[in-house]
Amino acid sequence: MKVQYFQDTDTLYIEFRPGEIAESRDLDENTLLELDADGAICAMTIEHASTRADMPRFSFEPIAA
């Protein structure tokens, strides 16, 4: 998984897994979901992320299985 925040455009890009994007779906006017040919989610783009996802407080914590 890769998470990128582009401060200049206030865009959050979350790549769940690499793959060739076959389809993009608008979930709402500021959220885009990208799917592969099998319909599996590859990535999500969130516009206006600082107001929609509380970006200054983002943290990541792996949980052991």
N, C-alpha and C. Protein backbone atom coordinates (compact mmCIF):
# COMPACT_ATOMS: atom_id res chain seq x y z
N MET A 1 0.85 -1.17 0.00
CA MET A 1 0.00 0.00 0.00
C MET A 1 0.89 1.23 0.00
N LYS A 2 0.48 2.24 -0.76
CA LYS A 2 1.23 3.49 -0.80
C LYS A 2 0.24 4.64 -0.63
N VAL A 3 0.58 5.57 0.25
CA VAL A 3 -0.25 6.75 0.48
C VAL A 3 0.57 7.98 0.15
N GLN A 4 0.02 8.84 -0.71
CA GLN A 4 0.70 10.07 -1.08
C GLN A 4 -0.24 11.24 -0.89
N TYR A 5 0.27 12.31 -0.30
CA TYR A 5 -0.50 13.54 -0.15
C TYR A 5 0.20 14.64 -0.93
N PHE A 6 -0.53 15.26 -1.84
CA PHE A 6 -0.02 16.34 -2.67
C PHE A 6 -0.56 17.66 -2.12
N GLN A 7 0.27 18.34 -1.33
CA GLN A 7 -0.18 19.54 -0.63
C GLN A 7 -0.58 20.65 -1.60
N ASP A 8 0.13 20.78 -2.73
CA ASP A 8 -0.17 21.86 -3.67
C ASP A 8 -1.57 21.76 -4.27
N THR A 9 -2.12 20.53 -4.39
CA THR A 9 -3.47 20.36 -4.92
C THR A 9 -4.45 19.85 -3.86
N ASP A 10 -3.95 19.64 -2.64
CA ASP A 10 -4.75 19.11 -1.53
C ASP A 10 -5.43 17.79 -1.93
N THR A 11 -4.62 16.89 -2.51
CA THR A 11 -5.12 15.62 -3.01
C THR A 11 -4.45 14.47 -2.28
N LEU A 12 -5.24 13.51 -1.84
CA LEU A 12 -4.75 12.30 -1.20
C LEU A 12 -4.91 11.14 -2.18
N TYR A 13 -3.81 10.42 -2.44
CA TYR A 13 -3.85 9.27 -3.33
C TYR A 13 -3.46 8.04 -2.52
N ILE A 14 -4.34 7.05 -2.51
CA ILE A 14 -4.09 5.81 -1.78
C ILE A 14 -4.05 4.67 -2.79
N GLU A 15 -2.88 4.06 -2.93
CA GLU A 15 -2.74 2.91 -3.81
C GLU A 15 -2.79 1.66 -2.95
N PHE A 16 -3.83 0.87 -3.11
CA PHE A 16 -3.98 -0.35 -2.32
C PHE A 16 -3.12 -1.48 -2.87
N ARG A 17 -2.99 -1.50 -4.19
CA ARG A 17 -2.14 -2.49 -4.83
C ARG A 17 -1.84 -2.02 -6.24
N PRO A 18 -0.66 -2.30 -6.73
CA PRO A 18 -0.33 -1.88 -8.09
C PRO A 18 -1.12 -2.72 -9.10
N GLY A 19 -1.41 -2.13 -10.21
CA GLY A 19 -2.12 -2.84 -11.26
C GLY A 19 -2.53 -1.89 -12.35
N GLU A 20 -2.90 -2.46 -13.48
CA GLU A 20 -3.35 -1.64 -14.59
C GLU A 20 -4.80 -1.23 -14.35
N ILE A 21 -5.05 0.06 -14.39
CA ILE A 21 -6.38 0.59 -14.14
C ILE A 21 -7.24 0.38 -15.39
N ALA A 22 -8.36 -0.31 -15.22
CA ALA A 22 -9.26 -0.57 -16.33
C ALA A 22 -10.49 0.32 -16.28
N GLU A 23 -10.84 0.81 -15.07
CA GLU A 23 -12.04 1.62 -14.92
C GLU A 23 -11.87 2.57 -13.75
N SER A 24 -12.41 3.77 -13.91
CA SER A 24 -12.45 4.76 -12.83
C SER A 24 -13.91 5.10 -12.55
N ARG A 25 -14.26 5.12 -11.29
CA ARG A 25 -15.64 5.44 -10.90
C ARG A 25 -15.64 6.62 -9.95
N ASP A 26 -16.53 7.55 -10.17
CA ASP A 26 -16.73 8.67 -9.25
C ASP A 26 -17.63 8.21 -8.12
N LEU A 27 -17.12 8.23 -6.89
CA LEU A 27 -17.97 7.91 -5.75
C LEU A 27 -18.80 9.11 -5.34
N ASP A 28 -18.19 10.29 -5.46
CA ASP A 28 -18.88 11.56 -5.32
C ASP A 28 -18.06 12.57 -6.12
N GLU A 29 -18.37 13.84 -6.04
CA GLU A 29 -17.68 14.81 -6.89
C GLU A 29 -16.21 15.01 -6.53
N ASN A 30 -15.76 14.49 -5.38
CA ASN A 30 -14.38 14.67 -4.95
C ASN A 30 -13.65 13.36 -4.64
N THR A 31 -14.24 12.23 -5.00
CA THR A 31 -13.64 10.93 -4.69
C THR A 31 -13.70 10.03 -5.92
N LEU A 32 -12.54 9.50 -6.31
CA LEU A 32 -12.42 8.65 -7.48
C LEU A 32 -11.89 7.29 -7.05
N LEU A 33 -12.53 6.23 -7.51
CA LEU A 33 -12.13 4.87 -7.22
C LEU A 33 -11.59 4.25 -8.52
N GLU A 34 -10.43 3.62 -8.46
CA GLU A 34 -9.82 3.02 -9.64
C GLU A 34 -9.79 1.51 -9.49
N LEU A 35 -10.29 0.82 -10.52
CA LEU A 35 -10.44 -0.64 -10.50
C LEU A 35 -9.64 -1.29 -11.61
N ASP A 36 -9.22 -2.55 -11.37
CA ASP A 36 -8.55 -3.30 -12.43
C ASP A 36 -9.59 -4.01 -13.28
N ALA A 37 -9.16 -4.82 -14.23
CA ALA A 37 -10.06 -5.49 -15.16
C ALA A 37 -10.99 -6.50 -14.46
N ASP A 38 -10.58 -7.00 -13.29
CA ASP A 38 -11.41 -7.94 -12.53
C ASP A 38 -12.36 -7.24 -11.57
N GLY A 39 -12.30 -5.91 -11.51
CA GLY A 39 -13.16 -5.15 -10.61
C GLY A 39 -12.59 -4.96 -9.22
N ALA A 40 -11.35 -5.36 -9.01
CA ALA A 40 -10.69 -5.19 -7.71
C ALA A 40 -10.23 -3.74 -7.56
N ILE A 41 -10.33 -3.21 -6.36
CA ILE A 41 -9.91 -1.83 -6.10
C ILE A 41 -8.39 -1.74 -6.10
N CYS A 42 -7.86 -0.85 -6.92
CA CYS A 42 -6.41 -0.61 -6.97
C CYS A 42 -6.04 0.67 -6.22
N ALA A 43 -6.87 1.70 -6.35
CA ALA A 43 -6.51 2.99 -5.76
C ALA A 43 -7.73 3.87 -5.54
N MET A 44 -7.54 4.90 -4.73
CA MET A 44 -8.57 5.88 -4.46
C MET A 44 -7.92 7.26 -4.43
N THR A 45 -8.58 8.23 -5.03
CA THR A 45 -8.13 9.62 -5.01
C THR A 45 -9.17 10.46 -4.30
N ILE A 46 -8.72 11.27 -3.34
CA ILE A 46 -9.62 12.14 -2.58
C ILE A 46 -9.17 13.58 -2.75
N GLU A 47 -10.02 14.40 -3.36
CA GLU A 47 -9.75 15.83 -3.52
C GLU A 47 -10.18 16.56 -2.24
N HIS A 48 -9.60 17.72 -1.99
CA HIS A 48 -9.88 18.52 -0.78
C HIS A 48 -9.63 17.68 0.48
N ALA A 49 -8.56 16.93 0.45
CA ALA A 49 -8.27 15.96 1.51
C ALA A 49 -8.09 16.59 2.89
N SER A 50 -7.54 17.78 2.95
CA SER A 50 -7.29 18.39 4.27
C SER A 50 -8.58 18.66 5.03
N THR A 51 -9.67 18.87 4.34
CA THR A 51 -10.94 19.13 5.02
C THR A 51 -11.80 17.88 5.11
N ARG A 52 -11.48 16.87 4.31
CA ARG A 52 -12.30 15.67 4.29
C ARG A 52 -11.68 14.52 5.05
N ALA A 53 -10.35 14.52 5.24
CA ALA A 53 -9.68 13.37 5.85
C ALA A 53 -8.77 13.74 7.02
N ASP A 54 -8.79 14.98 7.47
CA ASP A 54 -7.99 15.42 8.61
C ASP A 54 -6.52 15.03 8.42
N MET A 55 -5.94 15.46 7.31
CA MET A 55 -4.58 15.09 6.93
C MET A 55 -3.49 15.39 7.97
N PRO A 56 -3.55 16.49 8.69
CA PRO A 56 -2.47 16.73 9.67
C PRO A 56 -2.38 15.65 10.76
N ARG A 57 -3.41 14.86 10.96
CA ARG A 57 -3.43 13.86 12.00
C ARG A 57 -3.24 12.44 11.47
N PHE A 58 -2.84 12.31 10.23
CA PHE A 58 -2.68 10.98 9.62
C PHE A 58 -1.55 10.21 10.30
N SER A 59 -1.82 8.96 10.61
CA SER A 59 -0.78 8.07 11.14
C SER A 59 -1.04 6.66 10.62
N PHE A 60 -0.01 5.85 10.66
CA PHE A 60 -0.10 4.48 10.19
C PHE A 60 0.48 3.57 11.25
N GLU A 61 -0.26 2.52 11.56
CA GLU A 61 0.20 1.60 12.59
C GLU A 61 -0.06 0.17 12.14
N PRO A 62 0.99 -0.57 11.82
CA PRO A 62 0.79 -1.98 11.41
C PRO A 62 0.38 -2.82 12.64
N ILE A 63 -0.53 -3.74 12.41
CA ILE A 63 -1.01 -4.63 13.48
C ILE A 63 -0.54 -6.04 13.16
N ALA A 64 0.13 -6.68 14.10
CA ALA A 64 0.63 -8.03 13.88
C ALA A 64 -0.55 -9.01 13.76
N ALA A 65 -0.39 -9.99 12.91
CA ALA A 65 -1.45 -10.98 12.70
C ALA A 65 -1.46 -12.01 13.80
